[in-house]
Amino acid sequence: MIPTGIPPSDYRLLVPRDWFRLDLTHERWRRQLKTFVDKESAGSGVSAEVARGIWTTLRNTAESGLAQGALEFFLKTESPGESAPPASLLISLAQTPRGLAPTPDDFAQALAQRAGWDAEVDVVELPAGRTVRVVTETTMDFHVQMPGGVGYLHLAFSTPLSGTAGPMGELCGAMAHSLRWV
């Protein structure tokens, strides 16, 4: 673990092997995304139109994430043959000049005001540090404060089919707890 005052150079996160990884820092991610959607829809009875819709939704999510500092995008089909988007994890980096990042308590308060009544917002202790967690029925976000006061690493989980209250939500929480700074 990185000492508290030193900014990390990278992170490690345990993600199950059956989650498909897209490195958004390389241009080939669109091709990789198309490969994922084609592979998951092949032989599943999902129409080409539905597969295109899922690809478009995932592409738009990745592009929006890229505009906000996204680094990686992980995908896991929850139920083969379904027309629902897969479970996903979008990892983004929100850096700030040293010492200008809000405290987790202040950040949680600001997020709670924006999140609305259907979101649970709290501050939790993860092995990687104090973290603002925002949970809705189908999303689970972890804003992990980076050592050295240089911003937050955002882990944005989406579980559109199974929701966050079941085993997939528990898996997402376990992945967040595996985060380590290097």
Protein backbone atom coordinates (compact mmCIF):
# COMPACT_ATOMS: atom_id res chain seq x y z
CA MET A 1 0.00 0.00 0.00
CA ILE A 2 1.14 3.53 -0.82
CA PRO A 3 1.87 5.81 2.16
CA THR A 4 -0.90 8.38 2.64
CA GLY A 5 0.97 11.46 1.40
CA ILE A 6 2.44 9.97 -1.80
CA PRO A 7 0.30 9.94 -4.95
CA PRO A 8 0.08 6.46 -6.51
CA SER A 9 1.48 5.72 -9.95
CA ASP A 10 -1.13 3.03 -10.70
CA TYR A 11 -3.78 0.74 -9.21
CA ARG A 12 -4.55 -2.96 -9.11
CA LEU A 13 -8.05 -4.33 -9.15
CA LEU A 14 -9.15 -7.97 -9.13
CA VAL A 15 -11.72 -8.58 -11.86
CA PRO A 16 -12.93 -12.12 -12.65
CA ARG A 17 -11.43 -13.64 -15.80
CA ASP A 18 -14.82 -14.00 -17.46
CA TRP A 19 -15.28 -10.21 -17.58
CA PHE A 20 -14.30 -8.84 -21.00
CA ARG A 21 -11.77 -5.97 -20.72
CA LEU A 22 -11.54 -2.95 -23.01
CA ASP A 23 -8.52 -0.69 -22.60
CA LEU A 24 -10.02 2.69 -23.44
CA THR A 25 -6.59 4.29 -23.72
CA HIS A 26 -6.07 2.51 -27.08
CA GLU A 27 -8.03 3.22 -30.26
CA ARG A 28 -8.78 -0.46 -30.89
CA TRP A 29 -11.44 -0.53 -28.15
CA ARG A 30 -14.31 -0.03 -30.64
CA ARG A 31 -13.26 -3.12 -32.59
CA GLN A 32 -12.90 -5.08 -29.33
CA LEU A 33 -16.38 -3.94 -28.26
CA LYS A 34 -17.83 -5.10 -31.58
CA THR A 35 -16.10 -8.47 -31.11
CA PHE A 36 -17.64 -8.81 -27.63
CA VAL A 37 -21.18 -7.99 -28.81
CA ASP A 38 -20.89 -10.26 -31.86
CA LYS A 39 -19.56 -13.16 -29.75
CA GLU A 40 -22.26 -12.78 -27.08
CA SER A 41 -25.11 -12.50 -29.58
CA ALA A 42 -23.95 -15.32 -31.90
CA GLY A 43 -26.25 -18.31 -31.61
CA SER A 44 -28.22 -16.73 -28.78
CA GLY A 45 -31.34 -15.85 -30.74
CA VAL A 46 -30.78 -12.12 -30.25
CA SER A 47 -31.66 -10.28 -33.43
CA ALA A 48 -29.06 -8.24 -35.32
CA GLU A 49 -31.07 -5.10 -34.54
CA VAL A 50 -30.97 -5.79 -30.79
CA ALA A 51 -27.23 -6.56 -30.97
CA ARG A 52 -26.66 -3.24 -32.78
CA GLY A 53 -28.67 -1.46 -30.09
CA ILE A 54 -26.58 -3.02 -27.32
CA TRP A 55 -23.37 -2.16 -29.18
CA THR A 56 -24.54 1.44 -29.62
CA THR A 57 -25.44 1.73 -25.92
CA LEU A 58 -22.09 0.32 -24.82
CA ARG A 59 -20.17 2.46 -27.33
CA ASN A 60 -21.95 5.59 -26.10
CA THR A 61 -21.16 4.63 -22.48
CA ALA A 62 -17.48 4.17 -23.33
CA GLU A 63 -17.29 7.43 -25.31
CA SER A 64 -19.02 9.37 -22.54
CA GLY A 65 -16.65 7.80 -20.03
CA LEU A 66 -13.64 8.71 -22.16
CA ALA A 67 -14.74 12.34 -22.11
CA GLN A 68 -14.63 12.12 -18.30
CA GLY A 69 -11.28 10.35 -17.84
CA ALA A 70 -12.24 6.68 -18.32
CA LEU A 71 -9.37 4.21 -18.52
CA GLU A 72 -10.94 0.74 -18.64
CA PHE A 73 -14.33 -0.79 -19.39
CA PHE A 74 -15.20 -4.34 -18.27
CA LEU A 75 -18.27 -6.26 -19.47
CA LYS A 76 -19.98 -9.43 -18.27
CA THR A 77 -23.08 -10.92 -19.88
CA GLU A 78 -25.40 -11.81 -17.02
CA SER A 79 -27.79 -14.02 -18.95
CA PRO A 80 -26.88 -15.28 -22.45
CA GLY A 81 -29.63 -14.76 -24.98
CA GLU A 82 -31.12 -11.79 -23.15
CA SER A 83 -31.57 -8.50 -24.93
CA ALA A 84 -30.40 -6.54 -21.87
CA PRO A 85 -27.03 -4.79 -21.77
CA PRO A 86 -24.34 -6.70 -19.87
CA ALA A 87 -23.12 -5.90 -16.38
CA SER A 88 -20.28 -3.44 -16.62
CA LEU A 89 -17.50 -1.68 -14.76
CA LEU A 90 -16.18 1.65 -16.05
CA ILE A 91 -13.01 2.88 -14.34
CA SER A 92 -12.26 6.61 -14.53
CA LEU A 93 -9.62 8.87 -13.08
CA ALA A 94 -10.62 12.31 -11.78
CA GLN A 95 -7.36 14.00 -10.90
CA THR A 96 -7.11 17.36 -9.17
CA PRO A 97 -4.12 19.46 -8.16
CA ARG A 98 -2.64 18.24 -4.88
CA GLY A 99 -4.81 19.22 -1.95
CA LEU A 100 -7.77 20.53 -3.98
CA ALA A 101 -9.84 17.33 -4.01
CA PRO A 102 -12.85 17.54 -1.69
CA THR A 103 -12.85 15.37 1.41
CA PRO A 104 -14.91 12.19 1.12
CA ASP A 105 -17.48 13.64 3.54
CA ASP A 106 -17.89 16.83 1.48
CA PHE A 107 -17.93 14.85 -1.76
CA ALA A 108 -20.60 12.48 -0.37
CA GLN A 109 -22.76 15.42 0.67
CA ALA A 110 -22.51 16.97 -2.81
CA LEU A 111 -23.28 13.64 -4.50
CA ALA A 112 -26.25 13.02 -2.18
CA GLN A 113 -27.77 16.34 -3.23
CA ARG A 114 -27.38 15.41 -6.91
CA ALA A 115 -28.30 11.73 -6.65
CA GLY A 116 -31.93 12.03 -5.68
CA TRP A 117 -34.12 10.08 -3.32
CA ASP A 118 -33.53 6.64 -4.83
CA ALA A 119 -29.77 6.57 -4.15
CA GLU A 120 -27.97 5.56 -0.97
CA VAL A 121 -24.84 7.67 -0.47
CA ASP A 122 -22.30 6.97 2.27
CA VAL A 123 -18.61 7.04 3.08
CA VAL A 124 -16.96 3.66 3.60
CA GLU A 125 -13.45 2.49 4.42
CA LEU A 126 -11.89 0.30 1.77
CA PRO A 127 -8.36 -1.09 1.94
CA ALA A 128 -7.43 1.54 -0.70
CA GLY A 129 -8.77 4.41 1.44
CA ARG A 130 -11.87 6.39 2.29
CA THR A 131 -14.47 5.97 -0.39
CA VAL A 132 -17.76 7.58 -1.32
CA ARG A 133 -20.23 4.87 -2.30
CA VAL A 134 -23.42 5.61 -4.24
CA VAL A 135 -25.87 2.73 -4.69
CA THR A 136 -29.13 2.59 -6.66
CA GLU A 137 -31.21 -0.39 -7.71
CA THR A 138 -28.96 -1.12 -10.73
CA THR A 139 -25.76 0.91 -10.19
CA MET A 140 -23.00 0.96 -7.62
CA ASP A 141 -20.36 3.69 -7.77
CA PHE A 142 -17.22 3.87 -5.65
CA HIS A 143 -15.28 7.15 -5.63
CA VAL A 144 -11.99 6.12 -4.00
CA GLN A 145 -9.90 8.96 -2.63
CA MET A 146 -6.37 8.78 -3.99
CA PRO A 147 -3.43 9.06 -1.59
CA GLY A 148 -1.73 12.45 -1.68
CA GLY A 149 -4.99 14.35 -2.14
CA VAL A 150 -4.78 14.25 -5.95
CA GLY A 151 -8.35 13.22 -6.78
CA TYR A 152 -10.55 10.16 -6.98
CA LEU A 153 -10.60 6.89 -8.87
CA HIS A 154 -14.19 6.17 -9.89
CA LEU A 155 -15.42 2.58 -10.18
CA ALA A 156 -18.85 2.69 -11.86
CA PHE A 157 -20.65 -0.67 -11.80
CA SER A 158 -23.89 -1.26 -13.66
CA THR A 159 -25.99 -4.39 -13.21
CA PRO A 160 -29.08 -3.75 -15.35
CA LEU A 161 -30.44 -7.29 -15.24
CA SER A 162 -29.76 -8.58 -11.73
CA GLY A 163 -29.58 -5.35 -9.75
CA THR A 164 -27.20 -4.46 -6.93
CA ALA A 165 -29.01 -6.30 -4.14
CA GLY A 166 -28.08 -9.81 -5.30
CA PRO A 167 -24.93 -11.85 -5.94
CA MET A 168 -23.77 -9.60 -8.80
CA GLY A 169 -23.93 -6.59 -6.47
CA GLU A 170 -21.91 -8.52 -3.89
CA LEU A 171 -19.33 -9.35 -6.57
CA CYS A 172 -19.09 -5.67 -7.53
CA GLY A 173 -18.51 -4.75 -3.88
CA ALA A 174 -15.82 -7.42 -3.59
CA MET A 175 -14.07 -6.10 -6.68
CA ALA A 176 -14.08 -2.57 -5.21
CA HIS A 177 -12.63 -3.94 -1.95
CA SER A 178 -9.77 -5.53 -3.93
CA LEU A 179 -8.47 -2.14 -5.14
CA ARG A 180 -4.86 -1.45 -4.17
CA TRP A 181 -2.55 1.45 -5.01
CA VAL A 182 0.88 0.78 -6.49
